[in-house]
Amino acid sequence: MTPPTGKEFCAFLERNGWFLARIRGSHHVYKKPGVNALLTVPVQVHQPLKRGLFTALLSLAGLEWPGPGL
């Protein structure tokens, strides 16, 4: 499984109830009501997320990646 780009991952978070709280440089910070966590996603042009960061963000969000077909 290849990790998505930051932009693709942000769209995935938004479809699952997370909202964009703020942007600082190329980092998008997401919040979700009822969840005591902030997710910081680096959004760099056409760069996939690093595998460790991708799995950590999924774990913190409590989500499962749907696969290549989105």
C-alpha atoms as a PDB file:
ATOM      1  CA  MET A   1       0.000   0.000   0.000  1.00  0.00           C
ATOM      2  CA  THR A   2       1.492   3.307  -1.039  1.00  0.00           C
ATOM      3  CA  PRO A   3       0.677   6.244   1.220  1.00  0.00           C
ATOM      4  CA  PRO A   4      -1.471   9.041  -0.227  1.00  0.00           C
ATOM      5  CA  THR A   5      -0.368  12.614  -0.739  1.00  0.00           C
ATOM      6  CA  GLY A   6      -1.144  15.112   2.002  1.00  0.00           C
ATOM      7  CA  LYS A   7      -3.921  16.617  -0.108  1.00  0.00           C
ATOM      8  CA  GLU A   8      -5.588  13.213  -0.603  1.00  0.00           C
ATOM      9  CA  PHE A   9      -5.309  12.441   3.102  1.00  0.00           C
ATOM     10  CA  CYS A  10      -6.886  15.793   4.019  1.00  0.00           C
ATOM     11  CA  ALA A  11      -9.850  15.058   1.742  1.00  0.00           C
ATOM     12  CA  PHE A  12     -10.193  11.625   3.401  1.00  0.00           C
ATOM     13  CA  LEU A  13     -10.225  13.214   6.874  1.00  0.00           C
ATOM     14  CA  GLU A  14     -12.881  15.740   5.845  1.00  0.00           C
ATOM     15  CA  ARG A  15     -15.110  12.955   4.478  1.00  0.00           C
ATOM     16  CA  ASN A  16     -14.844  11.287   7.897  1.00  0.00           C
ATOM     17  CA  GLY A  17     -15.966  14.232  10.043  1.00  0.00           C
ATOM     18  CA  TRP A  18     -12.675  16.064  10.663  1.00  0.00           C
ATOM     19  CA  PHE A  19     -12.505  19.788   9.912  1.00  0.00           C
ATOM     20  CA  LEU A  20      -9.640  22.121   9.097  1.00  0.00           C
ATOM     21  CA  ALA A  21      -8.838  24.167  12.200  1.00  0.00           C
ATOM     22  CA  ARG A  22      -5.895  26.156  10.857  1.00  0.00           C
ATOM     23  CA  ILE A  23      -3.018  26.203   8.377  1.00  0.00           C
ATOM     24  CA  ARG A  24       0.540  27.096   9.266  1.00  0.00           C
ATOM     25  CA  GLY A  25       2.812  27.085   6.256  1.00  0.00           C
ATOM     26  CA  SER A  26       2.344  23.734   4.550  1.00  0.00           C
ATOM     27  CA  HIS A  27       0.881  22.026   7.629  1.00  0.00           C
ATOM     28  CA  HIS A  28      -2.888  21.616   7.911  1.00  0.00           C
ATOM     29  CA  VAL A  29      -4.231  21.039  11.425  1.00  0.00           C
ATOM     30  CA  TYR A  30      -7.474  19.080  11.783  1.00  0.00           C
ATOM     31  CA  LYS A  31      -9.907  18.709  14.691  1.00  0.00           C
ATOM     32  CA  LYS A  32     -13.000  16.612  15.259  1.00  0.00           C
ATOM     33  CA  PRO A  33     -15.759  17.298  17.783  1.00  0.00           C
ATOM     34  CA  GLY A  34     -15.648  14.781  20.618  1.00  0.00           C
ATOM     35  CA  VAL A  35     -12.069  13.693  19.883  1.00  0.00           C
ATOM     36  CA  ASN A  36      -9.280  14.995  22.068  1.00  0.00           C
ATOM     37  CA  ALA A  37      -6.616  15.018  19.353  1.00  0.00           C
ATOM     38  CA  LEU A  38      -5.185  17.315  16.720  1.00  0.00           C
ATOM     39  CA  LEU A  39      -3.899  15.904  13.454  1.00  0.00           C
ATOM     40  CA  THR A  40      -1.178  17.827  11.659  1.00  0.00           C
ATOM     41  CA  VAL A  41      -0.869  16.843   8.011  1.00  0.00           C
ATOM     42  CA  PRO A  42       2.018  18.143   5.871  1.00  0.00           C
ATOM     43  CA  VAL A  43       0.624  19.110   2.464  1.00  0.00           C
ATOM     44  CA  GLN A  44       3.450  19.343  -0.030  1.00  0.00           C
ATOM     45  CA  VAL A  45       2.948  19.340  -3.775  1.00  0.00           C
ATOM     46  CA  HIS A  46       2.789  15.798  -5.193  1.00  0.00           C
ATOM     47  CA  GLN A  47       4.717  14.334  -2.229  1.00  0.00           C
ATOM     48  CA  PRO A  48       3.265  11.206  -0.611  1.00  0.00           C
ATOM     49  CA  LEU A  49       3.212  11.059   3.169  1.00  0.00           C
ATOM     50  CA  LYS A  50       5.955   9.019   4.807  1.00  0.00           C
ATOM     51  CA  ARG A  51       4.704   5.532   5.695  1.00  0.00           C
ATOM     52  CA  GLY A  52       5.266   5.927   9.461  1.00  0.00           C
ATOM     53  CA  LEU A  53       3.522   9.302   9.583  1.00  0.00           C
ATOM     54  CA  PHE A  54       0.638   7.936   7.515  1.00  0.00           C
ATOM     55  CA  THR A  55       0.040   4.974   9.839  1.00  0.00           C
ATOM     56  CA  ALA A  56       0.387   7.189  12.934  1.00  0.00           C
ATOM     57  CA  LEU A  57      -2.189   9.677  11.603  1.00  0.00           C
ATOM     58  CA  LEU A  58      -4.618   6.866  10.770  1.00  0.00           C
ATOM     59  CA  SER A  59      -4.190   5.437  14.254  1.00  0.00           C
ATOM     60  CA  LEU A  60      -4.756   8.798  15.960  1.00  0.00           C
ATOM     61  CA  ALA A  61      -7.827   9.439  13.814  1.00  0.00           C
ATOM     62  CA  GLY A  62      -9.203   5.971  14.530  1.00  0.00           C
ATOM     63  CA  LEU A  63      -9.710   5.329  10.826  1.00  0.00           C
ATOM     64  CA  GLU A  64      -8.837   2.663   8.286  1.00  0.00           C
ATOM     65  CA  TRP A  65      -7.554   3.565   4.833  1.00  0.00           C
ATOM     66  CA  PRO A  66      -9.997   2.343   2.157  1.00  0.00           C
ATOM     67  CA  GLY A  67      -7.287   1.450  -0.350  1.00  0.00           C
ATOM     68  CA  PRO A  68      -6.214   2.696  -3.770  1.00  0.00           C
ATOM     69  CA  GLY A  69      -9.701   3.327  -5.175  1.00  0.00           C
ATOM     70  CA  LEU A  70     -10.748   5.987  -2.638  1.00  0.00           C
END
